[in-house]
Amino acid sequence: MKETLYGIILAGGVGSRFWPLSRVTSPKQLLKIAGDESLLKTTIKRLSPLIPQRRISIVTNSAQAEIIRLHLYDAGHPSEGWVGGRGVELVVEPFGRNTAPAIGLAALKLLQKDPDCVMAVLPSDHLIARGETFRRTLRAAAAAAREGYLVTFGVIPTRPETGYGYIKTGGAIKTLNNIKVKKVERFVEKPELKKAKRYLKEGGYYWNSGIFVWKAGKILDEIRLFLPSLYKNLLSIQRGAAIEEAYEKMESISIDHGVLEKTEDIAVIEADFPWSDMGSLNSLKEVFSPDRDGNIMKGRVVDIGSKRSFIIGSDRVVATIGLKDMILVDTPDATLVCPRDRTQEVKEVVDVLKKRGYAEHESHITVERPWGAYTVLEAGDHYKIKKVMVLPGRRLSLQMHRKRSEHWVVISGAARVERDGKVFMVKENESTFIPKGAKHRLGNPSRKKPLELIEVQNGSYVGEDDIVRFKDDYERG
């Protein structure tokens, strides 16, 4: 019997090293870094047709689950579910405990569906070119997994990279689909530059991609052997224990340290396709082509004499003079400036923002929603002013606020408003008032033109969580 191949996408992180582009409410995997679709959607579609979406699960934590669900939701077909295909499942951890618990939980759920299944584990935020080559490599890895191997993808190094872990290979085990499956001699932690140069010169080393393929039953057997406490807690969830209590008891550990560095049954398969893990802003060099001075510039940028620098602007003009090996990322509410070789430290900036209670670590001033988007223009203790855009044919939930009122002024299009059971239209240059406690809904009846309005909130509290939903096209609670 040929075991069925499933896809497990790990999507629990924020991507703090990509701040200010990434935020808690807009994590890195949801960014449109290369093209018109997010990294997560690209990861899902890259698996097709080898792994259809009904056999894909996304593992995330409770803080990210709703954001990811709404990001993938096809608002045009709410009864059918997910964008680009149907049936993607969310596996939700109460909070992150690194990759070993996430993979173990996903494997446990898969075994309940299919006792003989093979699972491909993939990060949600990698850039991979040549999709057909990737799927061919995935088929070869699945064949090796069916023979009992834990398979990891190794990327051929192209430079002495200090930001990746390495895999030292041994001899070849066999060839599958004209792709060599090799023994793993050892895993190597992120090296210093001198060692990385030596690895590149000696050969026989791969970058550790973080892409794995194995039978679900096999990885659980290995977790039982090398991480018995984790295995015990996973089984307690299967037997009905509260998942929060089980996760409280779990050690935070990666699958690499917990299992792969200890097992005898590990193999590496060469990833013969362009790959980037998009680990930091410095990874942008693998996405965009530099100019003749080695610069990458996006947005409204005016530069004089800079070299080997990345300058990413937004709506306002960014002017630079004589930068060398620098990164500048400007967004409407935050700006980052740092040397290219210190982008790994951006995460420390985010930690400081969080400790100081700055909202800029959490969200952008423009927030996308399945119905459209809103931009916070100004906010104070008892008021907030937003510009709201509703896409053609879409509407917000039927809702109520306990602590604030809202005043809407339509600036473009026409709004269909429901307020305490009464339905009426508000046209351009007209306004309406939504009292505190009123049950209301805003919609755009046009099938062609977006609706834009200014919303002024007043009240004792104007946080986004002051909302009670009664009906919602996007199945939010």
Protein backbone atom coordinates (compact mmCIF):
# COMPACT_ATOMS: atom_id res chain seq x y z
CA MET A 1 0.00 0.00 0.00
CA LYS A 2 1.27 3.50 -0.90
CA GLU A 3 0.84 5.73 2.12
CA THR A 4 -0.91 9.06 1.59
CA LEU A 5 1.22 12.21 1.77
CA TYR A 6 -0.03 15.08 3.95
CA GLY A 7 1.31 18.61 4.34
CA ILE A 8 1.94 20.18 7.76
CA ILE A 9 2.73 23.90 7.63
CA LEU A 10 4.22 25.48 10.76
CA ALA A 11 2.90 29.04 11.10
CA GLY A 12 3.08 30.09 14.73
CA GLY A 13 5.70 32.83 14.64
CA VAL A 14 5.55 36.58 14.14
CA GLY A 15 8.85 37.07 12.33
CA SER A 16 10.16 39.77 14.67
CA ARG A 17 13.34 40.19 12.61
CA PHE A 18 11.17 41.56 9.78
CA TRP A 19 9.88 44.47 11.88
CA PRO A 20 8.59 47.06 11.05
CA LEU A 21 7.07 45.16 8.10
CA SER A 22 5.89 42.31 10.35
CA ARG A 23 3.72 42.83 13.44
CA VAL A 24 1.73 40.59 15.79
CA THR A 25 -1.42 41.17 13.72
CA SER A 26 0.51 40.96 10.42
CA PRO A 27 3.11 38.22 10.95
CA LYS A 28 5.84 37.59 8.39
CA GLN A 29 4.09 34.58 6.82
CA LEU A 30 1.16 36.84 5.86
CA LEU A 31 3.33 39.45 4.13
CA LYS A 32 3.41 39.81 0.34
CA ILE A 33 7.18 39.88 0.10
CA ALA A 34 7.63 38.40 -3.38
CA GLY A 35 4.59 38.81 -5.59
CA ASP A 36 0.89 39.38 -5.06
CA GLU A 37 0.28 36.62 -2.50
CA SER A 38 1.48 36.06 1.03
CA LEU A 39 4.27 33.64 1.89
CA LEU A 40 1.70 31.36 3.54
CA LYS A 41 -0.61 31.21 0.52
CA THR A 42 2.40 30.59 -1.71
CA THR A 43 3.49 27.71 0.53
CA ILE A 44 0.04 26.13 0.31
CA LYS A 45 -0.19 26.46 -3.46
CA ARG A 46 3.36 25.18 -3.99
CA LEU A 47 2.26 21.75 -2.75
CA SER A 48 -0.43 21.40 -5.41
CA PRO A 49 -1.22 19.08 -7.12
CA LEU A 50 0.97 16.66 -5.15
CA ILE A 51 -0.80 17.49 -1.87
CA PRO A 52 -4.34 18.88 -2.27
CA GLN A 53 -5.56 21.37 0.31
CA ARG A 54 -7.87 18.87 1.97
CA ARG A 55 -4.66 17.11 3.11
CA ILE A 56 -2.96 20.25 4.44
CA SER A 57 -2.93 21.36 8.07
CA ILE A 58 -1.56 24.62 9.43
CA VAL A 59 -0.16 24.45 12.95
CA THR A 60 -0.31 27.74 14.81
CA ASN A 61 -1.03 29.10 18.28
CA SER A 62 -4.24 30.55 19.64
CA ALA A 63 -2.95 34.13 19.30
CA GLN A 64 -2.41 33.69 15.54
CA ALA A 65 -5.19 31.25 14.62
CA GLU A 66 -7.95 33.78 13.92
CA ILE A 67 -5.60 36.09 12.01
CA ILE A 68 -4.51 33.21 9.76
CA ARG A 69 -8.05 31.91 9.29
CA LEU A 70 -9.32 35.30 8.16
CA HIS A 71 -6.28 35.81 5.93
CA LEU A 72 -7.04 32.60 4.04
CA TYR A 73 -10.80 32.93 4.05
CA ASP A 74 -12.42 33.43 0.65
CA ALA A 75 -15.00 36.08 1.43
CA GLY A 76 -16.50 35.64 -2.01
CA HIS A 77 -17.47 32.06 -1.18
CA PRO A 78 -17.98 32.02 2.61
CA SER A 79 -19.87 28.75 2.55
CA GLU A 80 -16.96 27.01 0.84
CA GLY A 81 -14.19 28.24 3.09
CA TRP A 82 -10.57 28.69 2.07
CA VAL A 83 -9.03 30.69 -0.70
CA GLY A 84 -7.54 28.91 -3.72
CA GLY A 85 -9.02 25.56 -2.70
CA ARG A 86 -10.98 23.97 0.10
CA GLY A 87 -10.40 22.04 3.26
CA VAL A 88 -7.23 23.42 4.89
CA GLU A 89 -7.36 22.59 8.60
CA LEU A 90 -6.02 24.59 11.53
CA VAL A 91 -4.27 22.74 14.34
CA VAL A 92 -4.21 25.21 17.24
CA GLU A 93 -1.74 25.11 20.12
CA PRO A 94 -2.63 27.17 23.21
CA PHE A 95 0.82 28.77 22.95
CA GLY A 96 4.10 28.03 21.21
CA ARG A 97 6.46 25.37 22.57
CA ASN A 98 8.86 25.20 19.60
CA THR A 99 8.70 22.67 16.77
CA ALA A 100 8.81 19.31 18.59
CA PRO A 101 5.41 19.73 20.36
CA ALA A 102 3.87 21.31 17.24
CA ILE A 103 4.98 18.43 15.02
CA GLY A 104 4.01 15.84 17.63
CA LEU A 105 0.50 17.28 17.97
CA ALA A 106 0.03 17.35 14.19
CA ALA A 107 1.29 13.76 13.86
CA LEU A 108 -1.09 12.59 16.56
CA LYS A 109 -4.06 14.16 14.77
CA LEU A 110 -2.99 12.70 11.42
CA LEU A 111 -2.74 9.18 12.82
CA GLN A 112 -6.36 9.39 13.87
CA LYS A 113 -7.26 10.02 10.20
CA ASP A 114 -4.76 7.74 8.48
CA PRO A 115 -2.56 5.30 10.45
CA ASP A 116 -0.12 4.84 7.55
CA CYS A 117 0.26 8.46 6.46
CA VAL A 118 3.47 10.28 5.54
CA MET A 119 3.76 13.92 6.60
CA ALA A 120 5.80 16.67 4.97
CA VAL A 121 6.61 19.39 7.51
CA LEU A 122 7.23 22.83 6.03
CA PRO A 123 7.78 26.32 7.44
CA SER A 124 5.21 28.85 6.26
CA ASP A 125 7.61 31.64 5.36
CA HIS A 126 10.18 30.18 2.94
CA LEU A 127 10.72 31.32 -0.63
CA ILE A 128 11.18 28.41 -3.03
CA ALA A 129 11.48 28.66 -6.80
CA ARG A 130 10.96 25.93 -9.41
CA GLY A 131 7.87 24.37 -7.88
CA GLU A 132 7.96 21.25 -10.04
CA THR A 133 11.54 20.49 -8.93
CA PHE A 134 10.45 21.01 -5.33
CA ARG A 135 7.54 18.57 -5.72
CA ARG A 136 9.80 16.02 -7.43
CA THR A 137 12.20 16.23 -4.48
CA LEU A 138 9.25 15.90 -2.11
CA ARG A 139 8.16 12.69 -3.88
CA ALA A 140 11.65 11.22 -3.46
CA ALA A 141 11.70 12.19 0.23
CA ALA A 142 8.30 10.57 0.73
CA ALA A 143 9.59 7.34 -0.85
CA ALA A 144 12.52 7.32 1.60
CA ALA A 145 10.16 8.06 4.48
CA ARG A 146 8.05 5.05 3.56
CA GLU A 147 11.18 2.94 4.11
CA GLY A 148 11.46 4.21 7.68
CA TYR A 149 13.78 7.19 7.35
CA LEU A 150 13.35 10.60 8.91
CA VAL A 151 14.21 12.80 5.94
CA THR A 152 15.46 16.37 6.06
CA PHE A 153 16.06 18.65 3.08
CA GLY A 154 19.60 19.97 2.70
CA VAL A 155 20.27 23.09 0.63
CA ILE A 156 23.53 23.40 -1.30
CA PRO A 157 25.45 26.35 0.23
CA THR A 158 26.17 29.22 -2.13
CA ARG A 159 28.10 31.41 0.34
CA PRO A 160 29.68 31.16 3.81
CA GLU A 161 26.41 31.83 5.66
CA THR A 162 26.54 32.23 9.46
CA GLY A 163 22.78 32.49 9.93
CA TYR A 164 21.93 28.86 9.10
CA GLY A 165 22.58 25.53 10.76
CA TYR A 166 24.49 22.99 8.68
CA ILE A 167 24.23 19.26 7.98
CA LYS A 168 27.42 17.22 7.45
CA THR A 169 26.63 14.37 5.09
CA GLY A 170 27.98 10.83 4.94
CA GLY A 171 27.74 8.34 2.10
CA ALA A 172 24.79 7.85 -0.23
CA ILE A 173 22.05 5.48 0.93
CA LYS A 174 20.23 5.18 -2.40
CA THR A 175 18.92 7.11 -5.37
CA LEU A 176 15.18 7.81 -5.73
CA ASN A 177 13.71 9.63 -8.73
CA ASN A 178 17.33 10.40 -9.77
CA ILE A 179 17.81 12.17 -6.42
CA LYS A 180 20.43 10.98 -3.93
CA VAL A 181 19.40 10.16 -0.39
CA LYS A 182 22.42 10.48 1.91
CA LYS A 183 23.32 9.62 5.47
CA VAL A 184 23.60 12.40 8.01
CA GLU A 185 26.94 12.39 9.79
CA ARG A 186 26.07 15.22 12.16
CA PHE A 187 24.18 18.47 12.59
CA VAL A 188 26.23 21.64 13.04
CA GLU A 189 25.05 24.77 14.87
CA LYS A 190 25.22 28.17 13.17
CA PRO A 191 28.98 28.62 12.65
CA GLU A 192 31.33 31.56 12.88
CA LEU A 193 32.39 33.01 9.52
CA LYS A 194 35.76 31.20 9.53
CA LYS A 195 34.06 27.81 9.93
CA ALA A 196 31.39 28.64 7.38
CA LYS A 197 34.12 29.41 4.83
CA ARG A 198 35.80 26.09 5.62
CA TYR A 199 32.53 24.18 5.19
CA LEU A 200 32.04 25.78 1.79
CA LYS A 201 35.58 24.92 0.70
CA GLU A 202 35.53 21.32 1.97
CA GLY A 203 32.11 20.43 0.56
CA GLY A 204 29.87 17.73 1.99
CA TYR A 205 27.87 20.27 3.98
CA TYR A 206 24.31 21.44 3.43
CA TRP A 207 22.29 24.24 4.94
CA ASN A 208 19.56 22.82 7.18
CA SER A 209 16.33 23.95 5.50
CA GLY A 210 13.89 22.97 8.25
CA ILE A 211 11.82 20.94 5.76
CA PHE A 212 11.17 17.35 6.90
CA VAL A 213 9.35 14.26 5.62
CA TRP A 214 8.51 11.13 7.64
CA LYS A 215 5.75 8.76 8.56
CA ALA A 216 3.57 10.20 11.31
CA GLY A 217 3.84 6.97 13.31
CA LYS A 218 7.64 6.97 12.95
CA ILE A 219 8.16 10.49 14.31
CA LEU A 220 5.89 9.71 17.27
CA ASP A 221 7.93 6.59 17.98
CA GLU A 222 11.09 8.72 17.97
CA ILE A 223 9.48 11.31 20.25
CA ARG A 224 8.50 8.50 22.63
CA LEU A 225 12.11 7.28 22.65
CA PHE A 226 13.97 10.59 22.96
CA LEU A 227 11.35 12.92 24.48
CA PRO A 228 9.27 10.65 26.72
CA SER A 229 7.77 13.49 28.75
CA LEU A 230 6.53 15.23 25.60
CA TYR A 231 5.09 11.96 24.32
CA LYS A 232 3.26 11.40 27.60
CA ASN A 233 1.69 14.86 27.47
CA LEU A 234 0.66 14.42 23.83
CA LEU A 235 -1.06 11.14 24.70
CA SER A 236 -2.87 12.84 27.58
CA ILE A 237 -4.39 15.29 25.04
CA GLN A 238 -5.54 12.38 22.91
CA ARG A 239 -7.17 10.84 25.97
CA GLY A 240 -9.13 13.98 26.75
CA ALA A 241 -6.88 16.08 28.97
CA ALA A 242 -7.10 19.86 28.61
CA ILE A 243 -4.59 20.93 25.98
CA GLU A 244 -3.63 24.04 28.00
CA GLU A 245 -2.65 21.93 31.01
CA ALA A 246 -0.68 19.51 28.85
CA TYR A 247 1.22 22.32 27.14
CA GLU A 248 2.08 23.92 30.48
CA LYS A 249 4.00 20.74 31.31
CA MET A 250 5.83 20.50 27.98
CA GLU A 251 9.45 21.46 27.47
CA SER A 252 10.05 24.01 24.71
CA ILE A 253 12.38 22.18 22.33
CA SER A 254 12.97 21.94 18.59
CA ILE A 255 12.56 18.71 16.69
CA ASP A 256 16.19 19.06 15.57
CA HIS A 257 17.63 19.09 19.11
CA GLY A 258 15.05 16.75 20.59
CA VAL A 259 15.05 13.98 17.97
CA LEU A 260 17.00 14.47 14.75
CA GLU A 261 20.41 14.93 16.40
CA LYS A 262 19.91 11.68 18.34
CA THR A 263 18.23 9.24 15.99
CA GLU A 264 19.95 6.59 13.88
CA ASP A 265 17.33 6.76 11.14
CA ILE A 266 18.04 10.24 9.79
CA ALA A 267 18.73 10.92 6.10
CA VAL A 268 19.23 14.06 4.03
CA ILE A 269 18.02 14.69 0.50
CA GLU A 270 19.46 17.43 -1.66
CA ALA A 271 17.14 20.38 -2.27
CA ASP A 272 18.05 21.19 -5.85
CA PHE A 273 15.98 24.37 -6.12
CA PRO A 274 16.43 28.05 -5.16
CA TRP A 275 15.57 28.49 -1.47
CA SER A 276 15.54 31.18 1.19
CA ASP A 277 14.21 30.96 4.74
CA MET A 278 13.56 34.75 4.81
CA GLY A 279 15.07 34.84 8.29
CA SER A 280 15.74 38.58 8.42
CA LEU A 281 15.48 41.76 6.36
CA ASN A 282 18.89 40.95 4.89
CA SER A 283 17.14 38.08 3.03
CA LEU A 284 15.59 40.68 0.72
CA LYS A 285 18.74 40.37 -1.37
CA GLU A 286 17.44 36.95 -2.45
CA VAL A 287 14.10 38.39 -3.58
CA PHE A 288 14.94 41.62 -5.40
CA SER A 289 17.65 42.33 -7.97
CA PRO A 290 20.08 45.04 -6.87
CA ASP A 291 21.06 47.97 -9.10
CA ARG A 292 24.60 48.50 -10.36
CA ASP A 293 25.63 49.93 -6.97
CA GLY A 294 24.27 46.88 -5.13
CA ASN A 295 21.26 48.79 -3.78
CA ILE A 296 17.69 47.55 -3.46
CA MET A 297 15.18 50.41 -3.36
CA LYS A 298 11.40 50.16 -3.19
CA GLY A 299 8.82 52.89 -2.75
CA ARG A 300 9.29 56.66 -3.06
CA VAL A 301 13.05 56.72 -2.53
CA VAL A 302 15.48 59.45 -3.56
CA ASP A 303 19.11 58.38 -3.13
CA ILE A 304 22.49 59.94 -3.81
CA GLY A 305 25.62 57.82 -3.69
CA SER A 306 24.58 54.85 -1.53
CA LYS A 307 26.19 51.43 -1.92
CA ARG A 308 24.95 47.91 -1.12
CA SER A 309 22.00 49.22 0.89
CA PHE A 310 18.32 48.23 1.13
CA ILE A 311 15.90 51.16 1.32
CA ILE A 312 12.21 50.29 1.55
CA GLY A 313 9.75 53.17 1.62
CA SER A 314 5.98 53.48 1.83
CA ASP A 315 3.82 56.49 0.95
CA ARG A 316 6.08 59.32 2.02
CA VAL A 317 9.38 60.23 0.36
CA VAL A 318 12.54 58.71 1.85
CA ALA A 319 15.79 60.52 0.97
CA THR A 320 19.21 58.95 1.60
CA ILE A 321 22.78 60.10 0.95
CA GLY A 322 25.93 58.00 0.98
CA LEU A 323 24.71 54.97 2.89
CA LYS A 324 26.97 51.91 2.80
CA ASP A 325 25.76 48.40 3.69
CA MET A 326 22.72 49.77 5.51
CA ILE A 327 19.05 48.84 5.78
CA LEU A 328 16.30 51.45 6.06
CA VAL A 329 12.66 50.36 6.23
CA ASP A 330 10.05 53.09 6.51
CA THR A 331 6.36 52.41 7.24
CA PRO A 332 3.61 54.94 8.05
CA ASP A 333 4.16 54.55 11.81
CA ALA A 334 7.72 53.26 12.31
CA THR A 335 11.18 53.45 10.75
CA LEU A 336 14.12 51.06 11.15
CA VAL A 337 17.73 51.95 10.34
CA CYS A 338 20.54 49.44 10.91
CA PRO A 339 23.67 47.94 9.33
CA ARG A 340 22.97 44.97 7.06
CA ASP A 341 25.11 42.69 9.23
CA ARG A 342 23.03 43.42 12.36
CA THR A 343 19.52 42.53 11.14
CA GLN A 344 19.39 39.56 13.51
CA GLU A 345 19.20 42.11 16.36
CA VAL A 346 15.92 43.62 15.12
CA LYS A 347 14.14 41.09 17.34
CA GLU A 348 15.68 42.84 20.36
CA VAL A 349 14.13 46.13 19.23
CA VAL A 350 10.71 44.46 19.13
CA ASP A 351 11.26 43.13 22.67
CA VAL A 352 11.96 46.68 23.90
CA LEU A 353 8.87 48.04 22.13
CA LYS A 354 6.78 45.38 23.78
CA LYS A 355 8.19 46.09 27.26
CA ARG A 356 7.48 49.79 26.84
CA GLY A 357 3.92 49.13 25.74
CA TYR A 358 4.35 50.68 22.29
CA ALA A 359 1.52 49.64 19.97
CA GLU A 360 3.91 49.62 17.00
CA HIS A 361 5.14 46.13 17.90
CA GLU A 362 1.61 44.77 17.60
CA SER A 363 -0.15 46.27 14.58
CA HIS A 364 0.16 48.59 11.61
CA ILE A 365 -2.00 51.70 11.40
CA THR A 366 -3.65 50.05 8.37
CA VAL A 367 -5.21 46.70 9.24
CA GLU A 368 -6.57 44.34 6.61
CA ARG A 369 -9.83 42.50 7.19
CA PRO A 370 -11.69 40.01 4.95
CA TRP A 371 -14.25 42.73 4.21
CA GLY A 372 -11.62 45.39 3.40
CA ALA A 373 -9.34 47.47 5.64
CA TYR A 374 -9.17 50.36 8.06
CA THR A 375 -6.48 52.95 8.80
CA VAL A 376 -6.17 54.69 12.16
CA LEU A 377 -5.73 58.40 11.41
CA GLU A 378 -5.63 59.64 15.00
CA ALA A 379 -6.32 58.27 18.49
CA GLY A 380 -6.59 59.64 22.01
CA ASP A 381 -7.81 58.48 25.43
CA HIS A 382 -11.50 58.70 24.56
CA TYR A 383 -11.59 58.92 20.77
CA LYS A 384 -10.28 57.30 17.60
CA ILE A 385 -10.57 58.41 13.97
CA LYS A 386 -10.39 55.82 11.19
CA LYS A 387 -10.62 55.70 7.43
CA VAL A 388 -12.62 52.56 6.58
CA MET A 389 -12.66 50.84 3.18
CA VAL A 390 -15.25 48.12 2.41
CA LEU A 391 -14.67 46.01 -0.69
CA PRO A 392 -17.44 45.69 -3.32
CA GLY A 393 -20.22 43.34 -2.25
CA ARG A 394 -18.88 42.80 1.27
CA ARG A 395 -20.04 43.77 4.74
CA LEU A 396 -18.95 43.84 8.35
CA SER A 397 -20.55 41.73 11.06
CA LEU A 398 -23.85 42.60 12.71
CA GLN A 399 -22.40 43.98 15.94
CA MET A 400 -22.70 46.20 18.98
CA HIS A 401 -20.29 48.23 21.13
CA ARG A 402 -20.74 48.60 24.88
CA LYS A 403 -18.38 51.53 25.51
CA ARG A 404 -18.36 53.72 22.41
CA SER A 405 -20.51 55.44 19.79
CA GLU A 406 -19.59 55.87 16.13
CA HIS A 407 -20.20 58.61 13.59
CA TRP A 408 -19.80 57.64 9.90
CA VAL A 409 -19.21 60.11 7.04
CA VAL A 410 -19.22 58.56 3.55
CA ILE A 411 -16.48 60.02 1.33
CA SER A 412 -16.77 57.65 -1.64
CA GLY A 413 -19.46 55.21 -2.75
CA ALA A 414 -22.64 54.46 -0.84
CA ALA A 415 -23.16 52.55 2.42
CA ARG A 416 -25.94 50.15 3.30
CA VAL A 417 -26.50 50.64 7.04
CA GLU A 418 -28.52 48.50 9.41
CA ARG A 419 -29.18 50.07 12.83
CA ASP A 420 -31.44 48.43 15.42
CA GLY A 421 -33.43 46.65 12.71
CA LYS A 422 -33.82 49.66 10.39
CA VAL A 423 -32.03 49.49 6.99
CA PHE A 424 -31.14 52.65 5.02
CA MET A 425 -28.58 54.04 2.56
CA VAL A 426 -25.96 56.67 3.31
CA LYS A 427 -24.55 58.30 0.18
CA GLU A 428 -21.40 60.30 -0.53
CA ASN A 429 -21.18 63.49 1.60
CA GLU A 430 -23.87 62.13 3.96
CA SER A 431 -23.42 60.83 7.51
CA THR A 432 -25.11 58.75 10.20
CA PHE A 433 -24.71 58.15 13.92
CA ILE A 434 -24.42 54.79 15.70
CA PRO A 435 -25.21 55.18 19.44
CA LYS A 436 -23.46 53.13 22.09
CA GLY A 437 -25.29 49.80 22.47
CA ALA A 438 -27.02 49.95 19.08
CA LYS A 439 -27.01 46.75 17.04
CA HIS A 440 -25.61 47.75 13.64
CA ARG A 441 -24.03 46.60 10.40
CA LEU A 442 -22.15 48.35 7.58
CA GLY A 443 -22.11 47.01 4.01
CA ASN A 444 -21.14 47.97 0.48
CA PRO A 445 -23.96 47.11 -1.98
CA SER A 446 -21.89 48.07 -5.03
CA ARG A 447 -20.40 45.20 -7.04
CA LYS A 448 -17.74 47.41 -8.63
CA LYS A 449 -16.72 50.32 -6.42
CA PRO A 450 -15.18 50.25 -2.92
CA LEU A 451 -16.94 52.11 -0.12
CA GLU A 452 -14.83 54.61 1.82
CA LEU A 453 -15.87 56.48 4.95
CA ILE A 454 -14.47 58.28 7.95
CA GLU A 455 -15.41 56.76 11.30
CA VAL A 456 -15.16 58.83 14.50
CA GLN A 457 -15.37 56.78 17.70
CA ASN A 458 -16.13 58.37 21.08
CA GLY A 459 -16.42 56.69 24.45
CA SER A 460 -14.77 55.58 27.67
CA TYR A 461 -12.90 52.85 25.74
CA VAL A 462 -12.12 52.63 22.01
CA GLY A 463 -10.16 49.37 21.84
CA GLU A 464 -10.77 46.91 19.01
CA ASP A 465 -12.01 44.27 21.44
CA ASP A 466 -15.12 46.29 22.41
CA ILE A 467 -17.31 44.37 20.01
CA VAL A 468 -20.16 41.89 20.37
CA ARG A 469 -20.93 40.01 17.15
CA PHE A 470 -24.36 38.59 16.39
CA LYS A 471 -23.92 37.49 12.75
CA ASP A 472 -20.80 37.36 10.63
CA ASP A 473 -20.07 36.27 7.05
CA TYR A 474 -16.57 35.24 8.11
CA GLU A 475 -17.55 33.07 11.07
CA ARG A 476 -15.82 35.19 13.71
CA GLY A 477 -16.93 34.76 17.29
